[in-house]
Amino acid sequence: MAKNKTVKVTLTKSPIGTLPKHKLCLRGLGLRRMHQSVQVEDTPSVRGMIQKVNYMLTVENEE
């Protein structure tokens, strides 16, 4: 059975003063507070959100 790959994403910079669409990307990833980490599925749509706000995130690949 195929195991779904996940990515651990941590918010390292404050979203105050960023574009509204960038704040929506963070909300879509499930990030609300500074230094909060979430594990999300590694899909093209999630990778697009991560790429858009990569200046505020730390990303670790999980197996």
PDB file of N, CA and C in Angstrom:
ATOM      1  N   MET A   1       0.842  -1.173   0.000  1.00  0.00           N
ATOM      2  CA  MET A   1       0.000   0.000   0.000  1.00  0.00           C
ATOM      3  C   MET A   1       0.893   1.243   0.000  1.00  0.00           C
ATOM      4  N   ALA A   2       0.551   2.210  -0.832  1.00  0.00           N
ATOM      5  CA  ALA A   2       1.347   3.433  -0.947  1.00  0.00           C
ATOM      6  C   ALA A   2       1.115   4.334   0.262  1.00  0.00           C
ATOM      7  N   LYS A   3       2.207   4.826   0.809  1.00  0.00           N
ATOM      8  CA  LYS A   3       2.123   5.723   1.958  1.00  0.00           C
ATOM      9  C   LYS A   3       2.131   7.165   1.457  1.00  0.00           C
ATOM     10  N   ASN A   4       1.218   7.973   1.962  1.00  0.00           N
ATOM     11  CA  ASN A   4       1.177   9.382   1.569  1.00  0.00           C
ATOM     12  C   ASN A   4       2.354  10.123   2.178  1.00  0.00           C
ATOM     13  N   LYS A   5       3.066  10.870   1.341  1.00  0.00           N
ATOM     14  CA  LYS A   5       4.175  11.664   1.841  1.00  0.00           C
ATOM     15  C   LYS A   5       3.636  12.935   2.470  1.00  0.00           C
ATOM     16  N   THR A   6       4.323  13.366   3.516  1.00  0.00           N
ATOM     17  CA  THR A   6       3.921  14.594   4.186  1.00  0.00           C
ATOM     18  C   THR A   6       5.097  15.547   4.241  1.00  0.00           C
ATOM     19  N   VAL A   7       4.777  16.797   4.485  1.00  0.00           N
ATOM     20  CA  VAL A   7       5.773  17.858   4.614  1.00  0.00           C
ATOM     21  C   VAL A   7       5.488  18.578   5.917  1.00  0.00           C
ATOM     22  N   LYS A   8       6.533  18.812   6.708  1.00  0.00           N
ATOM     23  CA  LYS A   8       6.387  19.567   7.950  1.00  0.00           C
ATOM     24  C   LYS A   8       6.707  21.030   7.645  1.00  0.00           C
ATOM     25  N   VAL A   9       5.742  21.903   7.919  1.00  0.00           N
ATOM     26  CA  VAL A   9       5.868  23.330   7.613  1.00  0.00           C
ATOM     27  C   VAL A   9       5.776  24.108   8.923  1.00  0.00           C
ATOM     28  N   THR A  10       6.715  25.029   9.131  1.00  0.00           N
ATOM     29  CA  THR A  10       6.752  25.854  10.346  1.00  0.00           C
ATOM     30  C   THR A  10       6.739  27.321   9.942  1.00  0.00           C
ATOM     31  N   LEU A  11       5.880  28.093  10.591  1.00  0.00           N
ATOM     32  CA  LEU A  11       5.809  29.539  10.344  1.00  0.00           C
ATOM     33  C   LEU A  11       6.899  30.221  11.168  1.00  0.00           C
ATOM     34  N   THR A  12       7.874  30.835  10.494  1.00  0.00           N
ATOM     35  CA  THR A  12       9.013  31.430  11.193  1.00  0.00           C
ATOM     36  C   THR A  12       9.015  32.948  11.166  1.00  0.00           C
ATOM     37  N   LYS A  13       8.157  33.556  10.371  1.00  0.00           N
ATOM     38  CA  LYS A  13       8.114  35.010  10.260  1.00  0.00           C
ATOM     39  C   LYS A  13       6.657  35.459  10.358  1.00  0.00           C
ATOM     40  N   SER A  14       6.434  36.610  10.938  1.00  0.00           N
ATOM     41  CA  SER A  14       5.078  37.104  11.149  1.00  0.00           C
ATOM     42  C   SER A  14       4.414  37.515   9.826  1.00  0.00           C
ATOM     43  N   PRO A  15       3.137  37.161   9.653  1.00  0.00           N
ATOM     44  CA  PRO A  15       2.421  37.567   8.443  1.00  0.00           C
ATOM     45  C   PRO A  15       1.862  38.989   8.503  1.00  0.00           C
ATOM     46  N   ILE A  16       2.144  39.725   9.573  1.00  0.00           N
ATOM     47  CA  ILE A  16       1.655  41.101   9.675  1.00  0.00           C
ATOM     48  C   ILE A  16       2.311  41.934   8.583  1.00  0.00           C
ATOM     49  N   GLY A  17       1.515  42.640   7.823  1.00  0.00           N
ATOM     50  CA  GLY A  17       2.020  43.503   6.778  1.00  0.00           C
ATOM     51  C   GLY A  17       2.207  42.814   5.440  1.00  0.00           C
ATOM     52  N   THR A  18       1.830  41.543   5.331  1.00  0.00           N
ATOM     53  CA  THR A  18       1.971  40.836   4.059  1.00  0.00           C
ATOM     54  C   THR A  18       0.699  40.987   3.241  1.00  0.00           C
ATOM     55  N   LEU A  19       0.744  40.523   2.020  1.00  0.00           N
ATOM     56  CA  LEU A  19      -0.412  40.606   1.136  1.00  0.00           C
ATOM     57  C   LEU A  19      -1.553  39.719   1.644  1.00  0.00           C
ATOM     58  N   PRO A  20      -2.789  40.126   1.421  1.00  0.00           N
ATOM     59  CA  PRO A  20      -3.927  39.314   1.875  1.00  0.00           C
ATOM     60  C   PRO A  20      -3.920  37.905   1.286  1.00  0.00           C
ATOM     61  N   LYS A  21      -3.495  37.747   0.045  1.00  0.00           N
ATOM     62  CA  LYS A  21      -3.454  36.404  -0.549  1.00  0.00           C
ATOM     63  C   LYS A  21      -2.416  35.520   0.140  1.00  0.00           C
ATOM     64  N   HIS A  22      -1.344  36.115   0.626  1.00  0.00           N
ATOM     65  CA  HIS A  22      -0.341  35.344   1.340  1.00  0.00           C
ATOM     66  C   HIS A  22      -0.879  34.882   2.687  1.00  0.00           C
ATOM     67  N   LYS A  23      -1.660  35.737   3.338  1.00  0.00           N
ATOM     68  CA  LYS A  23      -2.287  35.340   4.598  1.00  0.00           C
ATOM     69  C   LYS A  23      -3.267  34.193   4.377  1.00  0.00           C
ATOM     70  N   LEU A  24      -3.974  34.223   3.245  1.00  0.00           N
ATOM     71  CA  LEU A  24      -4.910  33.138   2.930  1.00  0.00           C
ATOM     72  C   LEU A  24      -4.171  31.833   2.658  1.00  0.00           C
ATOM     73  N   CYS A  25      -2.997  31.907   2.054  1.00  0.00           N
ATOM     74  CA  CYS A  25      -2.189  30.703   1.837  1.00  0.00           C
ATOM     75  C   CYS A  25      -1.769  30.095   3.173  1.00  0.00           C
ATOM     76  N   LEU A  26      -1.379  30.935   4.122  1.00  0.00           N
ATOM     77  CA  LEU A  26      -1.010  30.430   5.441  1.00  0.00           C
ATOM     78  C   LEU A  26      -2.195  29.776   6.125  1.00  0.00           C
ATOM     79  N   ARG A  27      -3.352  30.384   5.993  1.00  0.00           N
ATOM     80  CA  ARG A  27      -4.569  29.814   6.590  1.00  0.00           C
ATOM     81  C   ARG A  27      -4.899  28.475   5.936  1.00  0.00           C
ATOM     82  N   GLY A  28      -4.709  28.394   4.616  1.00  0.00           N
ATOM     83  CA  GLY A  28      -4.959  27.149   3.897  1.00  0.00           C
ATOM     84  C   GLY A  28      -4.009  26.036   4.304  1.00  0.00           C
ATOM     85  N   LEU A  29      -2.798  26.405   4.690  1.00  0.00           N
ATOM     86  CA  LEU A  29      -1.838  25.416   5.181  1.00  0.00           C
ATOM     87  C   LEU A  29      -2.121  25.023   6.632  1.00  0.00           C
ATOM     88  N   GLY A  30      -2.964  25.783   7.311  1.00  0.00           N
ATOM     89  CA  GLY A  30      -3.305  25.474   8.701  1.00  0.00           C
ATOM     90  C   GLY A  30      -2.428  26.176   9.712  1.00  0.00           C
ATOM     91  N   LEU A  31      -1.719  27.216   9.284  1.00  0.00           N
ATOM     92  CA  LEU A  31      -0.823  27.943  10.179  1.00  0.00           C
ATOM     93  C   LEU A  31      -1.513  29.191  10.703  1.00  0.00           C
ATOM     94  N   ARG A  32      -1.502  29.363  12.020  1.00  0.00           N
ATOM     95  CA  ARG A  32      -2.149  30.517  12.634  1.00  0.00           C
ATOM     96  C   ARG A  32      -1.190  31.345  13.464  1.00  0.00           C
ATOM     97  N   ARG A  33      -0.240  30.699  14.139  1.00  0.00           N
ATOM     98  CA  ARG A  33       0.645  31.401  15.062  1.00  0.00           C
ATOM     99  C   ARG A  33       2.105  31.227  14.665  1.00  0.00           C
ATOM    100  N   MET A  34       2.932  32.125  15.162  1.00  0.00           N
ATOM    101  CA  MET A  34       4.373  32.033  14.948  1.00  0.00           C
ATOM    102  C   MET A  34       4.915  30.751  15.574  1.00  0.00           C
ATOM    103  N   HIS A  35       5.860  30.132  14.912  1.00  0.00           N
ATOM    104  CA  HIS A  35       6.547  28.923  15.360  1.00  0.00           C
ATOM    105  C   HIS A  35       5.619  27.724  15.483  1.00  0.00           C
ATOM    106  N   GLN A  36       4.456  27.801  14.888  1.00  0.00           N
ATOM    107  CA  GLN A  36       3.545  26.664  14.844  1.00  0.00           C
ATOM    108  C   GLN A  36       3.963  25.761  13.686  1.00  0.00           C
ATOM    109  N   SER A  37       3.942  24.456  13.907  1.00  0.00           N
ATOM    110  CA  SER A  37       4.284  23.494  12.869  1.00  0.00           C
ATOM    111  C   SER A  37       3.075  22.630  12.559  1.00  0.00           C
ATOM    112  N   VAL A  38       2.906  22.327  11.281  1.00  0.00           N
ATOM    113  CA  VAL A  38       1.846  21.416  10.844  1.00  0.00           C
ATOM    114  C   VAL A  38       2.442  20.450   9.834  1.00  0.00           C
ATOM    115  N   GLN A  39       1.825  19.284   9.736  1.00  0.00           N
ATOM    116  CA  GLN A  39       2.202  18.326   8.715  1.00  0.00           C
ATOM    117  C   GLN A  39       1.076  18.280   7.698  1.00  0.00           C
ATOM    118  N   VAL A  40       1.418  18.543   6.450  1.00  0.00           N
ATOM    119  CA  VAL A  40       0.436  18.555   5.375  1.00  0.00           C
ATOM    120  C   VAL A  40       0.867  17.561   4.307  1.00  0.00           C
ATOM    121  N   GLU A  41      -0.102  17.094   3.517  1.00  0.00           N
ATOM    122  CA  GLU A  41       0.203  16.170   2.432  1.00  0.00           C
ATOM    123  C   GLU A  41       1.034  16.865   1.370  1.00  0.00           C
ATOM    124  N   ASP A  42       1.900  16.115   0.739  1.00  0.00           N
ATOM    125  CA  ASP A  42       2.766  16.656  -0.299  1.00  0.00           C
ATOM    126  C   ASP A  42       2.053  16.550  -1.645  1.00  0.00           C
ATOM    127  N   THR A  43       1.232  17.560  -1.956  1.00  0.00           N
ATOM    128  CA  THR A  43       0.492  17.603  -3.213  1.00  0.00           C
ATOM    129  C   THR A  43       0.910  18.850  -3.985  1.00  0.00           C
ATOM    130  N   PRO A  44       0.641  18.896  -5.282  1.00  0.00           N
ATOM    131  CA  PRO A  44       0.999  20.085  -6.062  1.00  0.00           C
ATOM    132  C   PRO A  44       0.352  21.374  -5.551  1.00  0.00           C
ATOM    133  N   SER A  45      -0.881  21.301  -5.075  1.00  0.00           N
ATOM    134  CA  SER A  45      -1.541  22.510  -4.585  1.00  0.00           C
ATOM    135  C   SER A  45      -0.885  23.012  -3.301  1.00  0.00           C
ATOM    136  N   VAL A  46      -0.508  22.104  -2.426  1.00  0.00           N
ATOM    137  CA  VAL A  46       0.175  22.489  -1.191  1.00  0.00           C
ATOM    138  C   VAL A  46       1.551  23.040  -1.515  1.00  0.00           C
ATOM    139  N   ARG A  47       2.250  22.433  -2.461  1.00  0.00           N
ATOM    140  CA  ARG A  47       3.570  22.932  -2.856  1.00  0.00           C
ATOM    141  C   ARG A  47       3.472  24.346  -3.435  1.00  0.00           C
ATOM    142  N   GLY A  48       2.381  24.638  -4.145  1.00  0.00           N
ATOM    143  CA  GLY A  48       2.185  25.981  -4.678  1.00  0.00           C
ATOM    144  C   GLY A  48       1.990  27.006  -3.581  1.00  0.00           C
ATOM    145  N   MET A  49       1.214  26.644  -2.551  1.00  0.00           N
ATOM    146  CA  MET A  49       1.020  27.564  -1.424  1.00  0.00           C
ATOM    147  C   MET A  49       2.327  27.789  -0.677  1.00  0.00           C
ATOM    148  N   ILE A  50       3.101  26.719  -0.502  1.00  0.00           N
ATOM    149  CA  ILE A  50       4.388  26.841   0.179  1.00  0.00           C
ATOM    150  C   ILE A  50       5.319  27.739  -0.626  1.00  0.00           C
ATOM    151  N   GLN A  51       5.336  27.577  -1.937  1.00  0.00           N
ATOM    152  CA  GLN A  51       6.209  28.382  -2.785  1.00  0.00           C
ATOM    153  C   GLN A  51       5.841  29.864  -2.731  1.00  0.00           C
ATOM    154  N   LYS A  52       4.550  30.151  -2.622  1.00  0.00           N
ATOM    155  CA  LYS A  52       4.101  31.547  -2.600  1.00  0.00           C
ATOM    156  C   LYS A  52       4.547  32.270  -1.332  1.00  0.00           C
ATOM    157  N   VAL A  53       4.598  31.582  -0.220  1.00  0.00           N
ATOM    158  CA  VAL A  53       4.945  32.218   1.060  1.00  0.00           C
ATOM    159  C   VAL A  53       6.237  31.631   1.634  1.00  0.00           C
ATOM    160  N   ASN A  54       7.143  31.185   0.782  1.00  0.00           N
ATOM    161  CA  ASN A  54       8.353  30.517   1.249  1.00  0.00           C
ATOM    162  C   ASN A  54       9.262  31.414   2.086  1.00  0.00           C
ATOM    163  N   TYR A  55       9.125  32.723   1.987  1.00  0.00           N
ATOM    164  CA  TYR A  55       9.952  33.644   2.757  1.00  0.00           C
ATOM    165  C   TYR A  55       9.546  33.686   4.240  1.00  0.00           C
ATOM    166  N   MET A  56       8.396  33.095   4.574  1.00  0.00           N
ATOM    167  CA  MET A  56       7.930  33.064   5.957  1.00  0.00           C
ATOM    168  C   MET A  56       7.993  31.683   6.578  1.00  0.00           C
ATOM    169  N   LEU A  57       8.400  30.669   5.815  1.00  0.00           N
ATOM    170  CA  LEU A  57       8.294  29.282   6.258  1.00  0.00           C
ATOM    171  C   LEU A  57       9.627  28.581   6.325  1.00  0.00           C
ATOM    172  N   THR A  58       9.632  27.518   7.136  1.00  0.00           N
ATOM    173  CA  THR A  58      10.695  26.519   7.116  1.00  0.00           C
ATOM    174  C   THR A  58      10.016  25.199   6.765  1.00  0.00           C
ATOM    175  N   VAL A  59      10.575  24.499   5.778  1.00  0.00           N
ATOM    176  CA  VAL A  59       9.960  23.274   5.270  1.00  0.00           C
ATOM    177  C   VAL A  59      10.911  22.109   5.478  1.00  0.00           C
ATOM    178  N   GLU A  60      10.363  21.008   6.025  1.00  0.00           N
ATOM    179  CA  GLU A  60      11.130  19.777   6.206  1.00  0.00           C
ATOM    180  C   GLU A  60      10.361  18.648   5.544  1.00  0.00           C
ATOM    181  N   ASN A  61      11.055  17.831   4.766  1.00  0.00           N
ATOM    182  CA  ASN A  61      10.417  16.682   4.131  1.00  0.00           C
ATOM    183  C   ASN A  61      10.303  15.539   5.129  1.00  0.00           C
ATOM    184  N   GLU A  62       9.149  14.962   5.207  1.00  0.00           N
ATOM    185  CA  GLU A  62       8.891  13.801   6.068  1.00  0.00           C
ATOM    186  C   GLU A  62       8.630  12.605   5.177  1.00  0.00           C
ATOM    187  N   GLU A  63       8.990  11.452   5.621  1.00  0.00           N
ATOM    188  CA  GLU A  63       8.744  10.240   4.824  1.00  0.00           C
ATOM    189  C   GLU A  63       7.557   9.500   5.368  1.00  0.00           C
TER     190      GLU A  63
END
